[in-house]
Each structure stands twice: as structure tokens, then as C-alpha cells.
Amino acid sequence: MIATSLTATTLMAASSADIDNNGDVNAMDLLSITSFLGQACDSDCAADLNNDGVVNTADIMELMQQWGPVADYVAPVTDTRSK
């Protein structure tokens, strides 16, 4: 018999501006966005909140509109299974 372990983490972000997925859009998320300010982004760039291909003030404004606790936030779930 071979024993293996599988760990999967499911993230449930209810807000696109909650970059760190901690349930609050806050200064940590703002810092994440500003560290990419002025840079081009591909389609899976979390800092490009409005998906226009660049991180700019429009993304900061989107973050500010979502500032605070995330409604209906579900904490990440870790599923550890052994076979």
C-alpha cells in the first residue's frame, strides 16, 4: 500500500479588490496594487482590477470603492486527504 497526501486550498474571493483574500479590502491590498502601478498586466494580473491591461489610478479607485469588509466572505478551506 502506498500512502499519499493531497492538500488542496480553495479560495473564495467575494471581492476582486481583496488581493490577499483575508476578508478585508485594506491597506495591504492597496500596497499590492501600488507596487505594480504603471505596469502592463496580462489577463490574470490580480492588481489590474478593471482588466484594462495596465495597473493605474482606475484600479486604485476600484479598490477604494470596495474598501472595508468583504460581504459574504468565505475563508479559504484547506482539504487534506490521505490515501
N, C-alpha and C. Protein backbone atom coordinates (compact mmCIF):
# COMPACT_ATOMS: atom_id res chain seq x y z
N MET A 1 0.84 -1.17 0.00
CA MET A 1 0.00 0.00 0.00
C MET A 1 0.89 1.24 0.00
N ILE A 2 0.56 2.19 -0.84
CA ILE A 2 1.31 3.44 -0.93
C ILE A 2 0.48 4.55 -0.31
N ALA A 3 1.07 5.27 0.61
CA ALA A 3 0.36 6.37 1.26
C ALA A 3 0.75 7.68 0.57
N THR A 4 -0.25 8.45 0.24
CA THR A 4 -0.01 9.77 -0.34
C THR A 4 -0.85 10.78 0.41
N SER A 5 -0.46 12.00 0.30
CA SER A 5 -1.21 13.07 0.95
C SER A 5 -1.53 14.13 -0.09
N LEU A 6 -2.75 14.59 -0.10
CA LEU A 6 -3.19 15.61 -1.03
C LEU A 6 -3.71 16.79 -0.23
N THR A 7 -3.14 17.95 -0.47
CA THR A 7 -3.61 19.16 0.18
C THR A 7 -4.09 20.12 -0.89
N ALA A 8 -5.33 20.54 -0.80
CA ALA A 8 -5.88 21.49 -1.75
C ALA A 8 -6.43 22.68 -0.99
N THR A 9 -6.19 23.84 -1.52
CA THR A 9 -6.71 25.05 -0.91
C THR A 9 -7.69 25.69 -1.88
N THR A 10 -8.88 25.96 -1.41
CA THR A 10 -9.88 26.63 -2.21
C THR A 10 -10.03 28.05 -1.71
N LEU A 11 -9.86 29.01 -2.61
CA LEU A 11 -10.01 30.41 -2.24
C LEU A 11 -11.34 30.91 -2.76
N MET A 12 -12.07 31.57 -1.92
CA MET A 12 -13.37 32.08 -2.28
C MET A 12 -13.36 33.60 -2.14
N ALA A 13 -12.84 34.29 -3.11
CA ALA A 13 -12.79 35.75 -3.04
C ALA A 13 -14.12 36.33 -3.49
N ALA A 14 -14.78 37.04 -2.61
CA ALA A 14 -16.04 37.68 -2.95
C ALA A 14 -15.80 39.08 -3.50
N SER A 15 -14.58 39.56 -3.40
CA SER A 15 -14.23 40.89 -3.88
C SER A 15 -12.95 40.82 -4.68
N SER A 16 -12.98 41.36 -5.89
CA SER A 16 -11.77 41.33 -6.71
C SER A 16 -10.66 42.20 -6.12
N ALA A 17 -11.02 43.18 -5.29
CA ALA A 17 -10.02 44.07 -4.69
C ALA A 17 -9.37 43.47 -3.44
N ASP A 18 -9.89 42.37 -2.95
CA ASP A 18 -9.29 41.71 -1.79
C ASP A 18 -8.15 40.82 -2.29
N ILE A 19 -7.05 41.46 -2.65
CA ILE A 19 -5.91 40.79 -3.29
C ILE A 19 -5.37 39.66 -2.42
N ASP A 20 -5.23 39.90 -1.12
CA ASP A 20 -4.66 38.88 -0.24
C ASP A 20 -5.70 37.91 0.33
N ASN A 21 -6.95 38.07 -0.08
CA ASN A 21 -8.04 37.16 0.29
C ASN A 21 -8.13 36.92 1.79
N ASN A 22 -8.12 38.04 2.55
CA ASN A 22 -8.25 37.91 4.00
C ASN A 22 -9.61 38.39 4.52
N GLY A 23 -10.51 38.74 3.60
CA GLY A 23 -11.84 39.17 4.01
C GLY A 23 -12.00 40.66 4.17
N ASP A 24 -10.93 41.42 3.98
CA ASP A 24 -10.98 42.88 4.07
C ASP A 24 -10.21 43.50 2.91
N VAL A 25 -10.80 44.50 2.29
CA VAL A 25 -10.07 45.32 1.32
C VAL A 25 -9.48 46.44 2.15
N ASN A 26 -8.14 46.45 2.24
CA ASN A 26 -7.48 47.37 3.16
C ASN A 26 -6.13 47.82 2.61
N ALA A 27 -5.32 48.39 3.49
CA ALA A 27 -4.03 48.95 3.09
C ALA A 27 -3.10 47.91 2.47
N MET A 28 -3.18 46.66 2.90
CA MET A 28 -2.33 45.62 2.31
C MET A 28 -2.68 45.41 0.83
N ASP A 29 -3.96 45.46 0.51
CA ASP A 29 -4.38 45.33 -0.88
C ASP A 29 -3.95 46.55 -1.69
N LEU A 30 -4.06 47.73 -1.08
CA LEU A 30 -3.62 48.96 -1.74
C LEU A 30 -2.13 48.90 -2.03
N LEU A 31 -1.34 48.43 -1.09
CA LEU A 31 0.11 48.28 -1.31
C LEU A 31 0.40 47.31 -2.45
N SER A 32 -0.36 46.24 -2.52
CA SER A 32 -0.18 45.28 -3.61
C SER A 32 -0.40 45.94 -4.97
N ILE A 33 -1.44 46.74 -5.06
CA ILE A 33 -1.74 47.41 -6.33
C ILE A 33 -0.70 48.47 -6.65
N THR A 34 -0.34 49.30 -5.67
CA THR A 34 0.60 50.38 -5.96
C THR A 34 1.99 49.86 -6.32
N SER A 35 2.33 48.66 -5.90
CA SER A 35 3.64 48.11 -6.27
C SER A 35 3.71 47.79 -7.76
N PHE A 36 2.56 47.69 -8.43
CA PHE A 36 2.51 47.42 -9.87
C PHE A 36 2.07 48.64 -10.68
N LEU A 37 1.90 49.78 -10.03
CA LEU A 37 1.38 50.99 -10.67
C LEU A 37 2.18 51.35 -11.92
N GLY A 38 1.47 51.57 -13.02
CA GLY A 38 2.08 51.95 -14.28
C GLY A 38 2.55 50.79 -15.13
N GLN A 39 2.41 49.58 -14.65
CA GLN A 39 2.89 48.40 -15.39
C GLN A 39 1.76 47.75 -16.19
N ALA A 40 2.15 47.22 -17.33
CA ALA A 40 1.20 46.45 -18.13
C ALA A 40 0.96 45.11 -17.45
N CYS A 41 -0.26 44.59 -17.61
CA CYS A 41 -0.64 43.33 -16.99
C CYS A 41 -1.29 42.42 -18.01
N ASP A 42 -1.07 41.11 -17.85
CA ASP A 42 -1.80 40.17 -18.68
C ASP A 42 -3.16 39.89 -18.04
N SER A 43 -3.92 39.02 -18.61
CA SER A 43 -5.31 38.81 -18.18
C SER A 43 -5.46 38.23 -16.78
N ASP A 44 -4.42 37.63 -16.21
CA ASP A 44 -4.56 37.04 -14.87
C ASP A 44 -3.86 37.86 -13.79
N CYS A 45 -3.66 39.14 -14.03
CA CYS A 45 -2.99 40.02 -13.08
C CYS A 45 -4.00 40.51 -12.03
N ALA A 46 -3.82 40.12 -10.79
CA ALA A 46 -4.76 40.47 -9.72
C ALA A 46 -4.81 41.97 -9.46
N ALA A 47 -3.73 42.70 -9.72
CA ALA A 47 -3.68 44.13 -9.44
C ALA A 47 -4.45 44.96 -10.46
N ASP A 48 -4.74 44.41 -11.63
CA ASP A 48 -5.49 45.11 -12.67
C ASP A 48 -6.98 44.86 -12.45
N LEU A 49 -7.56 45.57 -11.51
CA LEU A 49 -8.94 45.30 -11.08
C LEU A 49 -9.98 45.51 -12.17
N ASN A 50 -9.73 46.47 -13.08
CA ASN A 50 -10.72 46.73 -14.12
C ASN A 50 -10.38 46.04 -15.44
N ASN A 51 -9.34 45.21 -15.44
CA ASN A 51 -8.95 44.39 -16.60
C ASN A 51 -8.74 45.19 -17.89
N ASP A 52 -8.11 46.37 -17.76
CA ASP A 52 -7.82 47.16 -18.96
C ASP A 52 -6.39 46.96 -19.46
N GLY A 53 -5.64 46.06 -18.82
CA GLY A 53 -4.31 45.72 -19.28
C GLY A 53 -3.19 46.52 -18.66
N VAL A 54 -3.52 47.45 -17.78
CA VAL A 54 -2.50 48.25 -17.10
C VAL A 54 -2.96 48.56 -15.68
N VAL A 55 -2.04 48.59 -14.75
CA VAL A 55 -2.36 48.96 -13.37
C VAL A 55 -2.20 50.47 -13.26
N ASN A 56 -3.30 51.15 -12.95
CA ASN A 56 -3.28 52.61 -12.92
C ASN A 56 -4.25 53.13 -11.86
N THR A 57 -4.49 54.43 -11.89
CA THR A 57 -5.36 55.05 -10.88
C THR A 57 -6.79 54.52 -10.95
N ALA A 58 -7.22 54.06 -12.11
CA ALA A 58 -8.56 53.47 -12.21
C ALA A 58 -8.68 52.24 -11.32
N ASP A 59 -7.61 51.48 -11.21
CA ASP A 59 -7.61 50.30 -10.34
C ASP A 59 -7.62 50.71 -8.87
N ILE A 60 -6.91 51.77 -8.55
CA ILE A 60 -6.92 52.28 -7.17
C ILE A 60 -8.32 52.78 -6.82
N MET A 61 -8.98 53.46 -7.74
CA MET A 61 -10.35 53.93 -7.49
C MET A 61 -11.31 52.75 -7.29
N GLU A 62 -11.13 51.70 -8.07
CA GLU A 62 -11.97 50.50 -7.89
C GLU A 62 -11.75 49.89 -6.51
N LEU A 63 -10.49 49.82 -6.09
CA LEU A 63 -10.18 49.30 -4.76
C LEU A 63 -10.85 50.16 -3.68
N MET A 64 -10.78 51.47 -3.83
CA MET A 64 -11.36 52.37 -2.83
C MET A 64 -12.88 52.20 -2.74
N GLN A 65 -13.52 51.89 -3.86
CA GLN A 65 -14.97 51.66 -3.85
C GLN A 65 -15.34 50.39 -3.09
N GLN A 66 -14.40 49.45 -3.03
CA GLN A 66 -14.66 48.17 -2.34
C GLN A 66 -14.04 48.13 -0.95
N TRP A 67 -13.50 49.25 -0.47
CA TRP A 67 -12.78 49.32 0.81
C TRP A 67 -13.63 48.80 1.96
N GLY A 68 -13.03 48.02 2.84
CA GLY A 68 -13.70 47.54 4.05
C GLY A 68 -13.93 46.04 4.00
N PRO A 69 -14.74 45.56 4.93
CA PRO A 69 -15.01 44.12 5.00
C PRO A 69 -15.69 43.63 3.72
N VAL A 70 -15.34 42.44 3.29
CA VAL A 70 -15.92 41.85 2.09
C VAL A 70 -17.22 41.16 2.48
N ALA A 71 -18.31 41.55 1.83
CA ALA A 71 -19.61 40.93 2.10
C ALA A 71 -19.58 39.47 1.67
N ASP A 72 -20.18 38.62 2.45
CA ASP A 72 -20.28 37.18 2.14
C ASP A 72 -18.92 36.51 1.97
N TYR A 73 -17.92 36.99 2.70
CA TYR A 73 -16.58 36.40 2.63
C TYR A 73 -16.59 34.99 3.21
N VAL A 74 -15.97 34.08 2.50
CA VAL A 74 -15.80 32.71 2.96
C VAL A 74 -14.30 32.46 3.07
N ALA A 75 -13.84 32.12 4.25
CA ALA A 75 -12.41 31.90 4.48
C ALA A 75 -11.91 30.75 3.62
N PRO A 76 -10.63 30.80 3.24
CA PRO A 76 -10.05 29.70 2.47
C PRO A 76 -10.20 28.38 3.22
N VAL A 77 -10.48 27.33 2.48
CA VAL A 77 -10.67 26.00 3.04
C VAL A 77 -9.52 25.11 2.59
N THR A 78 -8.89 24.45 3.54
CA THR A 78 -7.82 23.52 3.21
C THR A 78 -8.33 22.11 3.43
N ASP A 79 -8.24 21.30 2.39
CA ASP A 79 -8.71 19.92 2.45
C ASP A 79 -7.49 19.01 2.38
N THR A 80 -7.23 18.28 3.44
CA THR A 80 -6.11 17.35 3.48
C THR A 80 -6.65 15.93 3.50
N ARG A 81 -6.30 15.20 2.48
CA ARG A 81 -6.78 13.81 2.38
C ARG A 81 -5.59 12.88 2.27
N SER A 82 -5.69 11.76 2.89
CA SER A 82 -4.67 10.72 2.78
C SER A 82 -5.27 9.51 2.09
N LYS A 83 -4.50 8.94 1.21
CA LYS A 83 -4.97 7.73 0.53
C LYS A 83 -4.14 6.56 0.96
